[in-house]
Amino acid sequence: MAEAGFAVPGAIGAEYKRLGGAPGAVGPATAGQECGLTGGGCLQTFANGTIVWSAGTGAHLLAGAIETGWLKYGGSKSYLGYPLAAAGCVGTAAGSVCHQKFQRGSLYNVPGTGTYPVWGGMNATYESLGGIKGYLGYPKEAEKCGEPAAGHCIQHFQRGLIYYGPGGTWQIWGAVGAAYDNLGGPGSYLGYPTAAEQCGLPGGACRQTFQRGAVYFAPGAGTFPVWGAINAKYEAHGGSRGYLGYPTGAEKCGLRGGGCSQSFQRGNVYYAAGAGTQAVWGGVGQFYSARKAQNGALGYPTTAEACNGSGYCSQSFQYGVLQWIPGTGVRYRINTAAYCPAISTGAVKYRTADASRVTFAIADEYGSTRINFITCVRQADGSYAKEWGALGHAGESGFAGPGAATGPTWQKYSPTGSFTVTEAFGLGNPGTKLAYRQLNAYSRWGGRLNGNYNKYFESSADVFPDENMWYFATRPSHDYRQGVVINYNRPPDAPITMNAGFAIFLHGNNLPTWGCISLNDGDLLQYLRTANPGDRFVMGVAYDIFN
């Protein structure tokens, strides 16, 4: 067949004739046939396209954006090779997307976006998933290789992406694909996929594994990655089929001490240098979370929860232990190393007011008279560090609960709370910076419900329940030889309330008291010589002092 001086012979001519020749959509020939192409092929250009032929594929028209794309990617010399069939179009949300198959892939023209090839192993996976009519939809870009390293390729589609590399060729789509993309794809910490998405998990969830972790989608829980040390512990506990269930949040790092945590449906997993990676769940986990978790006095978990056949469970933390006791609930134990860091992390329930020194007098439980006495000093960076510690005693009845008045001294309760210290007393100033009152034979502290209640005054009378301070200072046990006034139920901390409690001191004679805190004489002197006006004194049972 000849057209305007250009012959259109052979298989190309037959296809040209089938398409209507010059009057048809292809239009007249604009050049003669060009043969001797790759693999012995030929082509001929026309006003509205190019007909390309090879012995193995036959003759097919390339037109419009697909023709332009084929030439852009190298024509017959490209990886695509020769066309296998005529172009076809499919209606999509982006409009009519036209595509044409070639020897080693296909070209897709997406209106307003561009023309992209899908080829090789990527194309095999794409076609196996239904191609343009499958869930992935049309391509949104050409294949990109070399990310994050040579031998890795990705290509994005309407509803996901396909990865090709050392881990195989896998689609990543839907909620999991969106999360993976947001994290940085194969260049992220997750790395490349190692399997296809697995759905139909309990609760209608899906999961896909990657080099260094997995991404989970679960209705009602969300879509989150789990990776690194936390993922290793999660998998050790059975992963999504274990007690923890599905992740409900992304991993959070940069926590206290550089630690990390991640929340799951029924617990949390924590990682911290020096503490390891541990899960915290159940009743212990609920109590721990309510107590500010890693920012609380306990710090990070250091062991897994261990339970016996009776349902008794225990878990250790950096600064203490939580125990689950059936029928009782959680028992809370912290060690003295927790006290000073708890100020820095805001885990003390009572105000410390950035005092230069904060002293704790802490009992393990209600009814206990033995206390741990720890003094913490404020550092230049605002944190607190232990200065020294001792053992002492509280009232014979232990501590009253938070907000409970200690009442008359004969009830023998010590108060719970945070109080200032501003003044001291005794038989001679030992070198304290506190305002110091030297006692004499007339020194009294008011216990009767009158104007002297919970105040120092002097009188020759000795009427109970006023305290004869001289007697307590000079008797053989020398309780008040030196003492510090703890400003409970008195200024500057609070106005005096009648019958709410009086004469709460720090003094010597290290035995259970009628409400005061007692120490050995040497420890009492150390406190006096280091104290400053306005220092805080925090006292009570650990359970109600610390988060």
Protein backbone atom coordinates (compact mmCIF):
# COMPACT_ATOMS: atom_id res chain seq x y z
CA MET A 1 0.00 0.00 0.00
CA ALA A 2 1.32 3.49 -0.89
CA GLU A 3 0.31 6.77 0.65
CA ALA A 4 1.39 10.29 -0.51
CA GLY A 5 4.60 8.99 -1.92
CA PHE A 6 5.41 6.78 1.13
CA ALA A 7 4.90 3.07 0.70
CA VAL A 8 3.25 1.23 3.60
CA PRO A 9 4.09 -2.41 2.85
CA GLY A 10 3.94 -5.72 4.73
CA ALA A 11 2.46 -6.29 8.16
CA ILE A 12 2.52 -2.58 8.97
CA GLY A 13 0.55 -1.91 5.79
CA ALA A 14 -2.00 -4.60 6.70
CA GLU A 15 -2.53 -3.05 10.16
CA TYR A 16 -2.69 0.42 8.61
CA LYS A 17 -5.37 -0.75 6.20
CA ARG A 18 -7.32 -2.35 9.06
CA LEU A 19 -7.25 0.97 10.90
CA GLY A 20 -8.78 2.77 7.89
CA GLY A 21 -5.70 3.97 6.05
CA ALA A 22 -5.21 7.69 5.39
CA PRO A 23 -8.86 8.59 5.92
CA GLY A 24 -8.87 6.73 9.22
CA ALA A 25 -7.77 7.82 12.67
CA VAL A 26 -4.10 7.18 11.93
CA GLY A 27 -3.92 9.65 9.07
CA PRO A 28 -1.43 9.66 6.18
CA ALA A 29 2.12 8.33 6.42
CA THR A 30 4.72 10.97 7.19
CA ALA A 31 7.82 8.86 6.42
CA GLY A 32 8.84 5.56 4.94
CA GLN A 33 9.24 2.40 6.95
CA GLU A 34 12.28 2.15 9.20
CA CYS A 35 13.54 -1.42 9.65
CA GLY A 36 16.57 -3.07 11.20
CA LEU A 37 15.45 -2.06 14.68
CA THR A 38 16.20 -4.10 17.80
CA GLY A 39 15.29 -7.74 17.17
CA GLY A 40 14.67 -7.09 13.45
CA GLY A 41 11.63 -4.88 13.99
CA CYS A 42 10.18 -2.08 11.89
CA LEU A 43 8.15 1.06 12.42
CA GLN A 44 6.46 3.73 10.34
CA THR A 45 5.17 7.08 11.44
CA PHE A 46 1.84 8.60 10.50
CA ALA A 47 0.08 11.86 11.14
CA ASN A 48 -1.52 10.54 14.33
CA GLY A 49 0.78 7.83 15.59
CA THR A 50 3.34 5.13 14.83
CA ILE A 51 2.77 1.52 13.82
CA VAL A 52 5.45 -0.75 15.26
CA TRP A 53 6.10 -4.34 14.20
CA SER A 54 8.30 -7.27 15.22
CA ALA A 55 8.10 -10.89 14.19
CA GLY A 56 7.24 -12.00 17.71
CA THR A 57 4.60 -9.37 18.51
CA GLY A 58 2.94 -8.35 15.26
CA ALA A 59 2.04 -4.79 14.18
CA HIS A 60 0.34 -2.38 16.63
CA LEU A 61 -0.40 1.31 16.70
CA LEU A 62 1.17 3.60 19.30
CA ALA A 63 -0.52 6.99 19.60
CA GLY A 64 -0.73 10.07 21.78
CA ALA A 65 0.84 10.10 25.24
CA ILE A 66 1.59 6.38 25.12
CA GLU A 67 3.61 6.83 21.92
CA THR A 68 5.44 9.76 23.51
CA GLY A 69 6.15 7.71 26.65
CA TRP A 70 7.44 4.73 24.64
CA LEU A 71 9.86 6.96 22.75
CA LYS A 72 10.88 8.70 26.00
CA TYR A 73 11.86 5.40 27.59
CA GLY A 74 13.92 4.32 24.55
CA GLY A 75 11.43 3.00 21.99
CA SER A 76 12.33 -0.44 20.64
CA LYS A 77 15.57 -0.32 22.64
CA SER A 78 13.78 0.24 25.93
CA TYR A 79 13.16 -2.41 28.57
CA LEU A 80 9.50 -2.34 27.53
CA GLY A 81 10.27 -3.74 24.06
CA TYR A 82 7.55 -3.95 21.38
CA PRO A 83 3.79 -3.55 21.90
CA LEU A 84 1.76 -6.73 22.24
CA ALA A 85 -1.69 -5.30 21.62
CA ALA A 86 -3.63 -2.14 20.88
CA ALA A 87 -4.22 0.40 23.64
CA GLY A 88 -7.29 0.19 25.84
CA CYS A 89 -8.86 2.65 28.29
CA VAL A 90 -10.48 2.25 31.70
CA GLY A 91 -12.66 4.75 33.54
CA THR A 92 -11.19 5.77 36.93
CA ALA A 93 -11.55 8.53 39.50
CA ALA A 94 -8.85 10.38 37.55
CA GLY A 95 -10.77 10.05 34.29
CA SER A 96 -10.15 7.67 31.42
CA VAL A 97 -6.75 6.00 31.93
CA CYS A 98 -5.36 4.47 28.73
CA HIS A 99 -2.82 1.68 28.80
CA GLN A 100 -0.97 -0.57 26.40
CA LYS A 101 0.90 -3.82 26.94
CA PHE A 102 4.46 -4.39 25.79
CA GLN A 103 6.82 -7.34 25.89
CA ARG A 104 8.04 -6.62 29.41
CA GLY A 105 5.46 -4.33 30.91
CA SER A 106 2.79 -1.75 30.20
CA LEU A 107 2.47 2.00 29.76
CA TYR A 108 -0.33 3.92 31.51
CA ASN A 109 -1.46 7.46 30.70
CA VAL A 110 -3.19 9.09 33.67
CA PRO A 111 -4.97 12.36 32.76
CA GLY A 112 -3.39 15.39 34.36
CA THR A 113 -0.62 13.30 35.93
CA GLY A 114 1.60 11.67 33.32
CA THR A 115 2.48 8.49 31.48
CA TYR A 116 4.24 5.79 33.47
CA PRO A 117 5.63 2.35 32.75
CA VAL A 118 5.08 -0.64 35.01
CA TRP A 119 7.56 -3.37 34.15
CA GLY A 120 9.63 -6.34 35.21
CA GLY A 121 9.03 -8.01 38.56
CA MET A 122 6.97 -5.01 39.63
CA ASN A 123 4.62 -5.55 36.67
CA ALA A 124 4.27 -9.28 37.37
CA THR A 125 3.06 -8.52 40.91
CA TYR A 126 0.82 -5.70 39.69
CA GLU A 127 -0.83 -7.91 37.09
CA SER A 128 -1.27 -10.74 39.60
CA LEU A 129 -3.22 -8.30 41.78
CA GLY A 130 -5.56 -7.33 38.94
CA GLY A 131 -3.54 -4.54 37.35
CA ILE A 132 -5.41 -1.29 36.83
CA LYS A 133 -8.69 -2.98 37.74
CA GLY A 134 -7.29 -4.30 41.02
CA TYR A 135 -7.16 -2.59 44.44
CA LEU A 136 -3.89 -0.78 43.68
CA GLY A 137 -5.48 1.13 40.78
CA TYR A 138 -3.38 3.15 38.32
CA PRO A 139 0.31 4.12 38.74
CA LYS A 140 1.07 7.57 40.11
CA GLU A 141 4.75 7.61 39.18
CA ALA A 142 7.44 5.67 37.39
CA GLU A 143 9.44 3.04 39.20
CA LYS A 144 12.14 4.59 41.41
CA CYS A 145 15.24 2.54 42.10
CA GLY A 146 18.29 3.01 44.28
CA GLU A 147 16.21 3.91 47.37
CA PRO A 148 17.49 3.34 50.00
CA ALA A 149 20.29 1.48 48.16
CA ALA A 150 21.11 -0.16 44.85
CA GLY A 151 18.87 -3.10 44.06
CA HIS A 152 15.78 -1.59 45.75
CA CYS A 153 12.86 -0.22 43.74
CA ILE A 154 9.41 1.15 44.62
CA GLN A 155 6.46 2.40 42.60
CA HIS A 156 3.41 4.18 43.94
CA PHE A 157 -0.10 3.48 42.75
CA GLN A 158 -3.52 4.95 43.43
CA ARG A 159 -3.98 2.98 46.67
CA GLY A 160 -0.55 1.77 47.65
CA LEU A 161 2.87 0.84 46.37
CA ILE A 162 4.89 -2.13 45.19
CA TYR A 163 8.39 -2.81 46.47
CA TYR A 164 11.02 -4.86 44.66
CA GLY A 165 14.36 -5.78 46.20
CA PRO A 166 16.30 -8.34 48.24
CA GLY A 167 13.22 -9.05 50.33
CA GLY A 168 11.15 -10.01 47.29
CA THR A 169 8.39 -8.16 45.44
CA TRP A 170 5.46 -7.15 47.62
CA GLN A 171 2.50 -4.82 47.50
CA ILE A 172 1.97 -2.44 50.45
CA TRP A 173 -1.44 -0.83 50.41
CA GLY A 174 -4.36 0.62 52.29
CA ALA A 175 -3.86 1.82 55.84
CA VAL A 176 -0.62 -0.15 56.22
CA GLY A 177 0.76 1.38 53.01
CA ALA A 178 -0.16 4.91 54.09
CA ALA A 179 1.57 4.41 57.45
CA TYR A 180 4.65 2.93 55.74
CA ASP A 181 4.85 5.89 53.35
CA ASN A 182 4.49 8.39 56.19
CA LEU A 183 7.40 6.73 57.98
CA GLY A 184 9.66 7.08 54.94
CA GLY A 185 9.09 3.79 53.09
CA PRO A 186 12.09 1.50 52.61
CA GLY A 187 14.39 4.32 53.73
CA SER A 188 12.75 4.32 57.18
CA TYR A 189 13.81 2.27 60.19
CA LEU A 190 11.33 -0.43 59.15
CA GLY A 191 13.28 -1.11 55.96
CA TYR A 192 11.78 -3.18 53.14
CA PRO A 193 8.83 -5.60 53.34
CA THR A 194 9.53 -9.30 53.80
CA ALA A 195 6.03 -10.63 53.07
CA ALA A 196 2.63 -9.63 51.74
CA GLU A 197 0.05 -8.09 54.00
CA GLN A 198 -1.73 -10.74 56.09
CA CYS A 199 -5.37 -10.00 56.86
CA GLY A 200 -8.14 -11.92 58.53
CA LEU A 201 -6.43 -11.72 61.92
CA PRO A 202 -8.59 -11.64 65.08
CA GLY A 203 -10.87 -8.62 65.08
CA GLY A 204 -10.53 -8.11 61.32
CA ALA A 205 -6.97 -6.84 61.62
CA CYS A 206 -4.08 -6.88 59.13
CA ARG A 207 -0.32 -7.14 59.55
CA GLN A 208 2.70 -6.78 57.29
CA THR A 209 6.27 -7.61 58.25
CA PHE A 210 9.34 -5.60 57.36
CA GLN A 211 13.08 -5.90 57.95
CA ARG A 212 12.99 -4.44 61.44
CA GLY A 213 9.41 -4.72 62.54
CA ALA A 214 5.81 -4.84 61.40
CA VAL A 215 2.86 -2.53 60.76
CA TYR A 216 -0.54 -3.45 62.18
CA PHE A 217 -4.00 -2.24 61.25
CA ALA A 218 -6.86 -3.09 63.60
CA PRO A 219 -10.38 -1.60 63.55
CA GLY A 220 -10.81 0.58 66.60
CA ALA A 221 -7.08 0.51 67.42
CA GLY A 222 -5.54 2.26 64.40
CA THR A 223 -2.50 1.62 62.21
CA PHE A 224 0.91 1.63 63.88
CA PRO A 225 4.39 0.20 63.40
CA VAL A 226 6.07 -1.91 66.07
CA TRP A 227 9.84 -2.18 65.73
CA GLY A 228 13.22 -2.57 67.36
CA ALA A 229 13.56 -3.80 70.94
CA ILE A 230 9.88 -3.22 71.65
CA ASN A 231 8.90 -5.39 68.68
CA ALA A 232 11.22 -8.17 69.88
CA LYS A 233 9.52 -8.16 73.30
CA TYR A 234 6.07 -7.89 71.70
CA GLU A 235 6.74 -10.93 69.53
CA ALA A 236 8.13 -12.81 72.54
CA HIS A 237 4.77 -12.26 74.24
CA GLY A 238 2.87 -13.64 71.25
CA GLY A 239 2.53 -10.48 69.17
CA SER A 240 -1.01 -9.55 68.19
CA ARG A 241 -2.28 -12.97 69.33
CA GLY A 242 -0.77 -12.52 72.79
CA TYR A 243 -2.24 -10.82 75.84
CA LEU A 244 -1.07 -7.35 74.75
CA GLY A 245 -3.27 -7.35 71.63
CA TYR A 246 -2.79 -4.75 68.89
CA PRO A 247 -0.81 -1.49 69.15
CA THR A 248 -2.93 1.57 69.91
CA GLY A 249 -0.23 4.17 69.44
CA ALA A 250 3.17 4.69 67.86
CA GLU A 251 6.38 4.18 69.80
CA LYS A 252 7.25 7.27 71.88
CA CYS A 253 10.91 7.93 72.55
CA GLY A 254 12.85 10.71 74.23
CA LEU A 255 11.15 9.85 77.51
CA ARG A 256 12.77 9.95 80.95
CA GLY A 257 16.40 8.84 80.70
CA GLY A 258 16.13 8.43 76.90
CA GLY A 259 13.58 5.64 77.20
CA CYS A 260 10.77 4.57 74.86
CA SER A 261 7.27 3.16 75.31
CA GLN A 262 4.42 1.89 73.16
CA SER A 263 0.79 1.32 74.08
CA PHE A 264 -1.20 -1.80 73.19
CA GLN A 265 -4.80 -2.84 73.77
CA ARG A 266 -4.08 -4.45 77.14
CA GLY A 267 -0.80 -2.99 78.30
CA ASN A 268 2.40 -1.15 77.44
CA VAL A 269 5.96 -2.11 76.54
CA TYR A 270 8.83 0.02 77.87
CA TYR A 271 12.49 0.24 76.88
CA ALA A 272 15.22 2.07 78.79
CA ALA A 273 18.99 1.71 78.82
CA GLY A 274 20.01 -0.15 81.94
CA ALA A 275 16.47 -1.37 82.57
CA GLY A 276 15.84 -3.42 79.43
CA THR A 277 12.57 -3.97 77.59
CA GLN A 278 9.55 -5.15 79.56
CA ALA A 279 5.77 -5.32 79.24
CA VAL A 280 3.51 -4.01 82.00
CA TRP A 281 -0.15 -5.10 81.97
CA GLY A 282 -3.20 -6.11 83.94
CA GLY A 283 -3.84 -4.77 87.44
CA VAL A 284 -0.17 -3.95 87.93
CA GLY A 285 -0.12 -2.10 84.60
CA GLN A 286 -3.21 -0.06 85.45
CA PHE A 287 -1.73 0.96 88.80
CA TYR A 288 1.62 1.81 87.16
CA SER A 289 -0.04 3.98 84.49
CA ALA A 290 -2.12 5.77 87.11
CA ARG A 291 1.12 6.55 88.97
CA LYS A 292 2.66 8.38 85.96
CA ALA A 293 4.34 5.22 84.59
CA GLN A 294 8.07 5.84 83.85
CA ASN A 295 7.78 9.42 85.16
CA GLY A 296 6.55 8.20 88.52
CA ALA A 297 8.66 7.25 91.50
CA LEU A 298 9.07 3.65 90.32
CA GLY A 299 10.90 4.46 87.07
CA TYR A 300 11.04 1.81 84.33
CA PRO A 301 10.22 -1.90 84.72
CA THR A 302 13.27 -4.13 85.06
CA THR A 303 11.65 -7.58 85.07
CA ALA A 304 8.59 -9.23 83.61
CA GLU A 305 5.58 -9.81 85.81
CA ALA A 306 5.88 -13.13 87.66
CA CYS A 307 2.83 -14.90 89.07
CA ASN A 308 2.27 -18.07 91.08
CA GLY A 309 -0.56 -20.57 91.06
CA SER A 310 -2.46 -18.61 93.71
CA GLY A 311 -2.69 -15.52 91.53
CA TYR A 312 -0.08 -13.57 93.49
CA CYS A 313 2.00 -11.48 91.03
CA SER A 314 5.06 -9.28 91.38
CA GLN A 315 7.01 -7.01 89.04
CA SER A 316 10.23 -5.12 89.76
CA PHE A 317 11.02 -1.57 88.66
CA GLN A 318 14.11 0.61 88.87
CA TYR A 319 13.07 2.02 92.24
CA GLY A 320 10.67 -0.49 93.69
CA VAL A 321 8.22 -3.34 93.34
CA LEU A 322 4.52 -3.67 92.55
CA GLN A 323 2.73 -6.72 93.92
CA TRP A 324 -0.73 -7.93 92.97
CA ILE A 325 -2.47 -9.64 95.87
CA PRO A 326 -5.74 -11.43 95.06
CA GLY A 327 -8.64 -9.92 96.96
CA THR A 328 -6.54 -6.93 98.02
CA GLY A 329 -5.14 -5.28 94.92
CA VAL A 330 -1.76 -3.68 94.35
CA ARG A 331 0.84 -3.35 97.07
CA TYR A 332 3.32 -0.54 96.48
CA ARG A 333 6.95 -0.65 97.58
CA ILE A 334 9.62 1.87 96.59
CA ASN A 335 13.21 2.09 97.71
CA THR A 336 14.91 5.20 99.01
CA ALA A 337 16.80 5.74 95.74
CA ALA A 338 13.43 6.82 94.28
CA TYR A 339 12.87 9.79 96.57
CA CYS A 340 15.10 12.49 95.06
CA PRO A 341 14.48 11.63 91.37
CA ALA A 342 10.74 11.74 92.13
CA ILE A 343 11.01 15.47 92.87
CA SER A 344 12.70 16.07 89.51
CA THR A 345 10.03 14.13 87.56
CA GLY A 346 7.07 15.63 89.39
CA ALA A 347 6.23 12.30 91.04
CA VAL A 348 5.83 13.75 94.54
CA LYS A 349 2.16 14.38 95.27
CA TYR A 350 2.90 17.26 97.62
CA ARG A 351 4.34 20.66 96.90
CA THR A 352 8.08 21.07 97.30
CA ALA A 353 8.25 24.65 95.97
CA ASP A 354 11.76 24.38 94.47
CA ALA A 355 13.21 24.38 97.99
CA SER A 356 17.00 24.19 98.29
CA ARG A 357 16.54 21.04 100.39
CA VAL A 358 13.68 18.59 100.57
CA THR A 359 13.69 16.00 103.33
CA PHE A 360 11.54 12.87 103.27
CA ALA A 361 10.34 10.92 106.31
CA ILE A 362 8.63 7.93 104.71
CA ALA A 363 7.03 4.80 106.14
CA ASP A 364 6.31 1.72 104.04
CA GLU A 365 2.73 1.31 105.21
CA TYR A 366 0.10 2.64 107.57
CA GLY A 367 0.58 1.62 111.19
CA SER A 368 4.35 1.41 110.71
CA THR A 369 6.48 3.62 112.96
CA ARG A 370 9.84 3.02 111.21
CA ILE A 371 10.70 5.68 108.64
CA ASN A 372 13.36 6.24 106.00
CA PHE A 373 14.82 9.72 106.38
CA ILE A 374 16.40 11.09 103.18
CA THR A 375 17.56 14.64 102.43
CA CYS A 376 17.72 15.80 98.79
CA VAL A 377 19.60 18.88 97.60
CA ARG A 378 18.62 20.97 94.57
CA GLN A 379 21.27 20.99 91.84
CA ALA A 380 22.17 23.79 89.43
CA ASP A 381 20.04 22.22 86.69
CA GLY A 382 16.98 22.08 88.94
CA SER A 383 17.18 18.35 89.62
CA TYR A 384 17.58 16.89 93.11
CA ALA A 385 20.28 14.56 94.39
CA LYS A 386 20.56 12.66 97.66
CA GLU A 387 22.69 14.38 100.26
CA TRP A 388 22.42 11.90 103.12
CA GLY A 389 20.03 9.49 104.78
CA ALA A 390 19.17 7.85 108.09
CA LEU A 391 16.57 5.71 109.84
CA GLY A 392 14.09 7.15 112.28
CA HIS A 393 10.62 6.82 113.77
CA ALA A 394 7.19 8.40 113.45
CA GLY A 395 4.26 8.36 115.89
CA GLU A 396 3.35 5.18 117.75
CA SER A 397 0.13 4.98 115.67
CA GLY A 398 2.00 5.61 112.41
CA PHE A 399 0.89 8.30 109.95
CA ALA A 400 -2.57 9.78 109.65
CA GLY A 401 -3.96 9.67 106.09
CA PRO A 402 -3.73 12.58 103.64
CA GLY A 403 -5.80 15.50 104.84
CA ALA A 404 -6.57 13.86 108.20
CA ALA A 405 -5.85 15.93 111.31
CA THR A 406 -3.57 14.24 113.81
CA GLY A 407 -5.67 15.57 116.69
CA PRO A 408 -4.43 15.55 120.29
CA THR A 409 -0.91 14.20 120.79
CA TRP A 410 -2.14 11.27 122.85
CA GLN A 411 -3.60 9.80 119.64
CA LYS A 412 0.05 9.41 118.62
CA TYR A 413 -0.35 10.03 114.85
CA SER A 414 2.16 11.84 112.68
CA PRO A 415 0.69 14.07 109.94
CA THR A 416 0.97 13.43 106.19
CA GLY A 417 2.00 16.27 103.90
CA SER A 418 4.70 18.75 102.94
CA PHE A 419 5.70 21.37 105.50
CA THR A 420 8.30 24.09 105.83
CA VAL A 421 10.93 24.32 108.54
CA THR A 422 11.83 27.79 109.74
CA GLU A 423 12.87 27.50 113.39
CA ALA A 424 14.66 25.24 115.84
CA PHE A 425 15.12 24.98 119.59
CA GLY A 426 17.28 23.29 122.21
CA LEU A 427 19.81 23.70 124.94
CA GLY A 428 22.35 25.53 122.75
CA ASN A 429 22.66 26.46 119.07
CA PRO A 430 24.62 23.71 117.29
CA GLY A 431 25.33 25.95 114.29
CA THR A 432 22.02 26.00 112.40
CA LYS A 433 20.79 28.65 109.95
CA LEU A 434 17.26 28.20 111.24
CA ALA A 435 15.93 30.76 113.72
CA TYR A 436 17.03 29.24 117.05
CA ARG A 437 15.31 29.45 120.45
CA GLN A 438 17.28 28.39 123.53
CA LEU A 439 15.03 26.63 126.01
CA ASN A 440 14.70 27.48 129.68
CA ALA A 441 12.77 26.18 132.65
CA TYR A 442 9.65 28.11 131.56
CA SER A 443 9.58 26.91 127.94
CA ARG A 444 6.19 25.48 126.98
CA TRP A 445 4.35 24.50 123.76
CA GLY A 446 0.61 25.08 123.75
CA GLY A 447 -1.71 22.08 123.68
CA ARG A 448 -4.72 23.55 125.49
CA LEU A 449 -7.40 25.06 123.25
CA ASN A 450 -6.57 28.70 123.90
CA GLY A 451 -4.50 31.49 122.35
CA ASN A 452 -1.27 29.56 122.91
CA TYR A 453 -2.41 26.48 120.94
CA ASN A 454 0.43 25.10 118.77
CA LYS A 455 2.74 27.99 119.74
CA TYR A 456 5.79 28.50 121.94
CA PHE A 457 5.14 30.38 125.15
CA GLU A 458 6.68 30.65 128.61
CA SER A 459 5.01 29.89 131.91
CA SER A 460 5.82 28.61 135.38
CA ALA A 461 2.67 26.46 135.18
CA ASP A 462 2.86 22.90 133.89
CA VAL A 463 -0.65 22.03 132.69
CA PHE A 464 -1.39 19.06 130.44
CA PRO A 465 -1.76 18.94 127.44
CA ASP A 466 0.69 21.87 127.16
CA GLU A 467 4.16 20.44 126.66
CA ASN A 468 6.90 21.24 129.16
CA MET A 469 9.73 21.54 126.64
CA TRP A 470 12.34 21.95 129.40
CA TYR A 471 11.35 18.64 130.92
CA PHE A 472 11.73 16.81 127.59
CA ALA A 473 15.05 18.55 126.93
CA THR A 474 16.62 17.69 130.27
CA ARG A 475 15.21 14.26 131.11
CA PRO A 476 17.67 11.36 130.62
CA SER A 477 16.47 10.55 127.07
CA HIS A 478 17.05 14.21 126.06
CA ASP A 479 14.24 14.18 123.46
CA TYR A 480 14.27 17.98 123.06
CA ARG A 481 17.96 18.61 123.68
CA GLN A 482 17.79 19.74 120.05
CA GLY A 483 14.67 20.00 117.91
CA VAL A 484 13.20 21.46 114.74
CA VAL A 485 9.66 22.80 114.43
CA ILE A 486 7.78 21.19 111.52
CA ASN A 487 5.19 23.77 110.50
CA TYR A 488 2.14 21.53 110.61
CA ASN A 489 -1.10 23.36 111.46
CA ARG A 490 0.71 26.65 111.95
CA PRO A 491 2.06 29.64 110.02
CA PRO A 492 3.66 30.18 107.61
CA ASP A 493 2.13 27.04 106.08
CA ALA A 494 -1.45 27.37 107.34
CA PRO A 495 -3.51 29.15 109.98
CA ILE A 496 -3.83 27.28 113.26
CA THR A 497 -6.94 25.09 113.56
CA MET A 498 -7.90 24.22 117.10
CA ASN A 499 -7.60 20.55 118.04
CA ALA A 500 -6.17 19.61 114.61
CA GLY A 501 -2.78 18.76 116.10
CA PHE A 502 0.17 20.46 117.76
CA ALA A 503 3.84 20.11 118.68
CA ILE A 504 5.02 18.26 115.56
CA PHE A 505 8.82 18.36 115.86
CA LEU A 506 11.92 16.65 114.57
CA HIS A 507 13.86 15.64 117.70
CA GLY A 508 16.24 13.13 119.26
CA ASN A 509 15.67 9.83 121.11
CA ASN A 510 15.12 7.57 118.09
CA LEU A 511 12.00 5.72 119.26
CA PRO A 512 8.31 5.81 118.28
CA THR A 513 6.81 9.16 119.34
CA TRP A 514 3.48 10.83 120.07
CA GLY A 515 3.42 12.29 116.53
CA CYS A 516 6.88 13.78 116.00
CA ILE A 517 9.73 12.41 113.88
CA SER A 518 12.72 11.15 115.88
CA LEU A 519 16.33 10.50 114.86
CA ASN A 520 19.59 9.54 116.50
CA ASP A 521 21.33 12.59 117.97
CA GLY A 522 24.12 12.60 115.37
CA ASP A 523 21.64 12.53 112.47
CA LEU A 524 19.58 15.28 114.10
CA LEU A 525 22.65 17.50 114.42
CA GLN A 526 23.55 16.89 110.76
CA TYR A 527 20.09 17.99 109.75
CA LEU A 528 20.27 21.14 111.88
CA ARG A 529 23.68 22.11 110.50
CA THR A 530 22.60 21.76 106.86
CA ALA A 531 19.02 23.09 106.99
CA ASN A 532 17.96 26.47 105.61
CA PRO A 533 14.81 28.43 106.44
CA GLY A 534 12.08 27.41 103.98
CA ASP A 535 13.40 23.90 103.38
CA ARG A 536 10.59 21.39 102.90
CA PHE A 537 9.79 18.38 105.05
CA VAL A 538 7.67 15.74 103.25
CA MET A 539 6.30 12.98 105.45
CA GLY A 540 3.85 10.10 105.20
CA VAL A 541 3.37 6.62 103.76
CA ALA A 542 5.03 6.05 100.38
CA TYR A 543 1.73 5.01 98.75
CA ASP A 544 0.26 8.46 99.42
CA ILE A 545 3.40 10.55 98.96
CA PHE A 546 4.61 9.38 95.54
CA ASN A 547 3.02 8.80 92.17
